[in-house]
C-alpha atoms as a PDB file:
ATOM      1  CA  MET A   1      93.545 103.337  89.454  1.00  0.00           C
ATOM      2  CA  ASP A   2      97.269 103.538  90.207  1.00  0.00           C
ATOM      3  CA  LEU A   3      98.166 101.392  87.203  1.00  0.00           C
ATOM      4  CA  ARG A   4      96.149 103.590  84.865  1.00  0.00           C
ATOM      5  CA  GLU A   5      96.990 106.987  86.307  1.00  0.00           C
ATOM      6  CA  ASN A   6     100.653 106.507  87.179  1.00  0.00           C
ATOM      7  CA  TYR A   7     101.832 103.730  84.884  1.00  0.00           C
ATOM      8  CA  LYS A   8      99.527 104.259  81.865  1.00  0.00           C
ATOM      9  CA  ILE A   9      98.414 100.613  81.952  1.00  0.00           C
ATOM     10  CA  PHE A  10      94.735  99.941  81.400  1.00  0.00           C
ATOM     11  CA  CYS A  11      93.327  96.885  83.082  1.00  0.00           C
ATOM     12  CA  SER A  12      90.156  95.950  84.843  1.00  0.00           C
ATOM     13  CA  ILE A  13      89.983  93.992  88.051  1.00  0.00           C
ATOM     14  CA  VAL A  14      88.055  90.855  88.841  1.00  0.00           C
ATOM     15  CA  VAL A  15      86.745  90.581  92.404  1.00  0.00           C
ATOM     16  CA  TYR A  16      84.224  88.645  94.483  1.00  0.00           C
ATOM     17  CA  PRO A  17      81.887  86.903  93.631  1.00  0.00           C
ATOM     18  CA  VAL A  18      83.829  85.830  90.528  1.00  0.00           C
ATOM     19  CA  ILE A  19      86.826  84.905  92.675  1.00  0.00           C
ATOM     20  CA  PRO A  20      87.111  84.306  96.441  1.00  0.00           C
ATOM     21  CA  LYS A  21      86.797  87.287  98.796  1.00  0.00           C
ATOM     22  CA  GLY A  22      90.096  88.982  99.513  1.00  0.00           C
ATOM     23  CA  HIS A  23      91.585  88.222  96.102  1.00  0.00           C
ATOM     24  CA  ILE A  24      92.005  90.430  93.042  1.00  0.00           C
ATOM     25  CA  ILE A  25      92.844  89.430  89.492  1.00  0.00           C
ATOM     26  CA  TYR A  26      93.971  91.928  86.878  1.00  0.00           C
ATOM     27  CA  ARG A  27      92.297  91.464  83.513  1.00  0.00           C
ATOM     28  CA  LEU A  28      94.632  92.574  80.723  1.00  0.00           C
ATOM     29  CA  ILE A  29      94.132  92.527  76.977  1.00  0.00           C
ATOM     30  CA  PRO A  30      97.479  92.215  75.240  1.00  0.00           C
ATOM     31  CA  THR A  31      97.479  92.723  71.490  1.00  0.00           C
ATOM     32  CA  ALA A  32      99.854  92.188  68.608  1.00  0.00           C
ATOM     33  CA  VAL A  33     100.954  95.824  68.791  1.00  0.00           C
ATOM     34  CA  HIS A  34     102.335  95.438  72.334  1.00  0.00           C
ATOM     35  CA  THR A  35     106.095  95.142  72.319  1.00  0.00           C
ATOM     36  CA  ASP A  36     108.501  93.287  74.569  1.00  0.00           C
ATOM     37  CA  ASP A  37     109.248  96.668  76.175  1.00  0.00           C
ATOM     38  CA  ASP A  38     105.518  97.121  76.915  1.00  0.00           C
ATOM     39  CA  ILE A  39     105.471  93.736  78.611  1.00  0.00           C
ATOM     40  CA  GLN A  40     108.584  94.557  80.637  1.00  0.00           C
ATOM     41  CA  GLN A  41     107.119  97.916  81.735  1.00  0.00           C
ATOM     42  CA  THR A  42     103.907  96.162  82.791  1.00  0.00           C
ATOM     43  CA  LEU A  43     105.815  93.602  84.856  1.00  0.00           C
ATOM     44  CA  GLU A  44     107.815  96.396  86.507  1.00  0.00           C
ATOM     45  CA  ALA A  45     104.606  98.298  87.280  1.00  0.00           C
ATOM     46  CA  PHE A  46     103.143  95.160  88.871  1.00  0.00           C
ATOM     47  CA  SER A  47     106.272  94.799  91.021  1.00  0.00           C
ATOM     48  CA  GLU A  48     106.113  98.441  92.112  1.00  0.00           C
ATOM     49  CA  THR A  49     102.402  98.313  92.928  1.00  0.00           C
ATOM     50  CA  LYS A  50     102.939  95.067  94.896  1.00  0.00           C
ATOM     51  CA  LYS A  51     105.546  96.861  97.002  1.00  0.00           C
ATOM     52  CA  LYS A  52     103.080  99.710  97.578  1.00  0.00           C
ATOM     53  CA  LEU A  53     100.371  97.210  98.505  1.00  0.00           C
ATOM     54  CA  ASP A  54     102.657  95.507 101.025  1.00  0.00           C
ATOM     55  CA  ALA A  55     103.584  98.913 102.490  1.00  0.00           C
ATOM     56  CA  GLY A  56      99.903  99.809 103.001  1.00  0.00           C
ATOM     57  CA  ALA A  57      99.696 102.530 100.359  1.00  0.00           C
ATOM     58  CA  TYR A  58      96.323 101.279  99.132  1.00  0.00           C
ATOM     59  CA  LYS A  59      94.541 101.205 102.473  1.00  0.00           C
ATOM     60  CA  VAL A  60      91.308 103.154 102.472  1.00  0.00           C
ATOM     61  CA  ASP A  61      92.744 105.834 104.766  1.00  0.00           C
ATOM     62  CA  ASN A  62      95.502 106.545 102.238  1.00  0.00           C
ATOM     63  CA  ILE A  63      93.248 106.855  99.200  1.00  0.00           C
ATOM     64  CA  PRO A  64      91.704 110.294  98.620  1.00  0.00           C
ATOM     65  CA  ASP A  65      87.958 110.683  98.316  1.00  0.00           C
ATOM     66  CA  MET A  66      87.609 111.439  94.616  1.00  0.00           C
ATOM     67  CA  ALA A  67      84.580 113.633  95.314  1.00  0.00           C
ATOM     68  CA  GLU A  68      86.749 115.860  97.486  1.00  0.00           C
ATOM     69  CA  VAL A  69      89.662 115.795  95.057  1.00  0.00           C
ATOM     70  CA  THR A  70      87.519 116.870  92.119  1.00  0.00           C
ATOM     71  CA  GLY A  71      85.352 119.221  94.159  1.00  0.00           C
ATOM     72  CA  LYS A  72      82.228 117.298  93.210  1.00  0.00           C
ATOM     73  CA  ARG A  73      79.848 115.626  95.607  1.00  0.00           C
ATOM     74  CA  PHE A  74      77.801 112.595  94.842  1.00  0.00           C
ATOM     75  CA  ASP A  75      75.265 112.891  97.618  1.00  0.00           C
ATOM     76  CA  TYR A  76      72.460 112.040  95.186  1.00  0.00           C
ATOM     77  CA  ILE A  77      73.655 108.438  95.311  1.00  0.00           C
ATOM     78  CA  LEU A  78      72.643 108.300  98.986  1.00  0.00           C
ATOM     79  CA  GLU A  79      69.132 109.597  98.344  1.00  0.00           C
ATOM     80  CA  LYS A  80      66.288 107.140  98.545  1.00  0.00           C
ATOM     81  CA  PRO A  81      64.662 106.316  95.217  1.00  0.00           C
ATOM     82  CA  ARG A  82      61.451 108.208  94.530  1.00  0.00           C
ATOM     83  CA  ASN A  83      58.293 106.389  93.598  1.00  0.00           C
ATOM     84  CA  LYS A  84      57.089 107.340  90.162  1.00  0.00           C
END
């Protein structure tokens, strides 16, 4: 989320079971319209987010609950499914 929201870089992540537990891979889709500057900005964003990761900025305690941030609750997800 940090890459998208703060650095304007869209990527998806690949996690377990595709790769071993505890690892993350960024999936990027570069195109012909991306410039050398775009690539440099992406590499700088990766460096900055790595520093944040090492400093603990992405620990669960430091990440806001999006339901609280947006004022919406998603309690319906916790409800048991109803038989039809």
